[in-house]
N, C-alpha and C. Protein backbone atom coordinates (compact mmCIF):
# COMPACT_ATOMS: atom_id res chain seq x y z
N MET A 1 121.73 -18.40 -4.95
CA MET A 1 121.30 -17.07 -5.38
C MET A 1 120.18 -16.58 -4.47
N GLY A 2 119.59 -15.41 -4.83
CA GLY A 2 118.51 -14.82 -4.03
C GLY A 2 117.20 -15.57 -4.20
N GLU A 3 116.27 -15.24 -3.35
CA GLU A 3 114.96 -15.87 -3.42
C GLU A 3 114.18 -15.35 -4.61
N GLN A 4 113.36 -16.19 -5.18
CA GLN A 4 112.53 -15.79 -6.31
C GLN A 4 111.21 -15.25 -5.78
N ALA A 5 110.79 -14.10 -6.29
CA ALA A 5 109.54 -13.48 -5.85
C ALA A 5 108.34 -14.24 -6.41
N THR A 6 107.27 -14.27 -5.65
CA THR A 6 106.04 -14.90 -6.09
C THR A 6 105.00 -13.81 -6.32
N TYR A 7 104.36 -13.85 -7.48
CA TYR A 7 103.36 -12.85 -7.84
C TYR A 7 102.02 -13.53 -8.08
N ALA A 8 100.96 -12.78 -7.84
CA ALA A 8 99.61 -13.29 -8.11
C ALA A 8 98.87 -12.26 -8.94
N THR A 9 98.01 -12.72 -9.83
CA THR A 9 97.21 -11.84 -10.66
C THR A 9 95.75 -12.06 -10.30
N GLU A 10 95.02 -10.95 -10.15
CA GLU A 10 93.60 -11.04 -9.87
C GLU A 10 92.85 -10.17 -10.85
N ARG A 11 91.68 -10.59 -11.24
CA ARG A 11 90.86 -9.84 -12.17
C ARG A 11 90.03 -8.83 -11.40
N LEU A 12 90.01 -7.59 -11.89
CA LEU A 12 89.24 -6.53 -11.25
C LEU A 12 88.01 -6.25 -12.11
N ASP A 13 86.90 -6.92 -11.82
CA ASP A 13 85.69 -6.75 -12.61
C ASP A 13 84.93 -5.47 -12.28
N HIS A 14 85.08 -4.97 -11.10
CA HIS A 14 84.32 -3.81 -10.66
C HIS A 14 85.22 -2.59 -10.60
N LEU A 15 85.66 -2.12 -11.77
CA LEU A 15 86.62 -1.02 -11.83
C LEU A 15 86.06 0.26 -11.23
N GLY A 16 84.76 0.47 -11.29
CA GLY A 16 84.16 1.65 -10.69
C GLY A 16 84.35 1.66 -9.18
N ILE A 17 84.22 0.50 -8.56
CA ILE A 17 84.43 0.38 -7.12
C ILE A 17 85.90 0.63 -6.79
N VAL A 18 86.78 0.03 -7.58
CA VAL A 18 88.22 0.20 -7.37
C VAL A 18 88.59 1.67 -7.53
N ALA A 19 88.08 2.32 -8.57
CA ALA A 19 88.38 3.73 -8.80
C ALA A 19 87.88 4.58 -7.64
N GLY A 20 86.68 4.26 -7.13
CA GLY A 20 86.14 5.00 -6.00
C GLY A 20 86.99 4.87 -4.75
N ILE A 21 87.47 3.67 -4.49
CA ILE A 21 88.32 3.44 -3.32
C ILE A 21 89.65 4.17 -3.49
N CYS A 22 90.22 4.13 -4.70
CA CYS A 22 91.48 4.85 -4.95
C CYS A 22 91.29 6.34 -4.73
N HIS A 23 90.16 6.87 -5.20
CA HIS A 23 89.88 8.30 -5.03
C HIS A 23 89.66 8.63 -3.56
N GLU A 24 88.90 7.81 -2.88
CA GLU A 24 88.59 8.04 -1.47
C GLU A 24 89.85 8.03 -0.60
N ASN A 25 90.79 7.19 -0.94
CA ASN A 25 92.03 7.07 -0.17
C ASN A 25 93.17 7.93 -0.72
N GLU A 26 92.83 8.79 -1.68
CA GLU A 26 93.80 9.71 -2.29
C GLU A 26 95.05 8.98 -2.79
N LEU A 27 94.83 7.85 -3.44
CA LEU A 27 95.93 7.01 -3.90
C LEU A 27 96.80 7.73 -4.93
N VAL A 28 96.19 8.45 -5.87
CA VAL A 28 96.96 9.14 -6.91
C VAL A 28 97.88 10.18 -6.28
N GLU A 29 97.37 10.94 -5.33
CA GLU A 29 98.18 11.95 -4.67
C GLU A 29 99.34 11.31 -3.90
N ARG A 30 99.08 10.17 -3.27
CA ARG A 30 100.14 9.48 -2.52
C ARG A 30 101.23 8.96 -3.46
N VAL A 31 100.83 8.42 -4.61
CA VAL A 31 101.80 7.93 -5.59
C VAL A 31 102.60 9.09 -6.14
N ASP A 32 101.93 10.22 -6.43
CA ASP A 32 102.65 11.40 -6.93
C ASP A 32 103.70 11.87 -5.94
N ILE A 33 103.39 11.84 -4.66
CA ILE A 33 104.36 12.24 -3.65
C ILE A 33 105.54 11.28 -3.64
N PHE A 34 105.24 9.98 -3.76
CA PHE A 34 106.28 8.96 -3.70
C PHE A 34 107.21 9.00 -4.91
N VAL A 35 106.63 9.05 -6.12
CA VAL A 35 107.46 8.97 -7.33
C VAL A 35 107.75 10.34 -7.94
N GLY A 36 107.01 11.35 -7.52
CA GLY A 36 107.21 12.69 -8.06
C GLY A 36 106.39 12.91 -9.32
N GLU A 37 106.07 14.16 -9.58
CA GLU A 37 105.31 14.51 -10.77
C GLU A 37 106.25 14.94 -11.88
N ASN A 38 105.88 14.67 -13.12
CA ASN A 38 106.66 15.07 -14.28
C ASN A 38 105.76 15.90 -15.18
N PRO A 39 105.96 17.23 -15.22
CA PRO A 39 105.08 18.09 -16.01
C PRO A 39 105.18 17.84 -17.51
N GLU A 40 106.19 17.12 -17.98
CA GLU A 40 106.34 16.83 -19.41
C GLU A 40 105.44 15.68 -19.85
N ILE A 41 104.93 14.91 -18.90
CA ILE A 41 104.07 13.77 -19.24
C ILE A 41 102.62 14.20 -19.13
N GLU A 42 101.85 13.92 -20.18
CA GLU A 42 100.44 14.27 -20.19
C GLU A 42 99.63 12.98 -20.34
N ILE A 43 98.67 12.78 -19.46
CA ILE A 43 97.84 11.58 -19.49
C ILE A 43 96.44 11.99 -19.93
N ALA A 44 95.93 11.34 -20.94
CA ALA A 44 94.59 11.66 -21.44
C ALA A 44 93.71 10.43 -21.29
N GLY A 45 92.50 10.63 -20.82
CA GLY A 45 91.53 9.54 -20.70
C GLY A 45 90.81 9.30 -22.00
N LEU A 46 90.13 8.18 -22.09
CA LEU A 46 89.38 7.86 -23.31
C LEU A 46 88.01 8.44 -23.26
């Protein structure tokens, strides 16, 4: 059969730093371009 994928999990303790890097690199906009936007889905923060 095919090869089995190997995954690793890492803990992200500094979410503010991660969020800043995602914002700086326009990660959300890049993902939206890749997967497309759906106006029917609404995301609300806490």
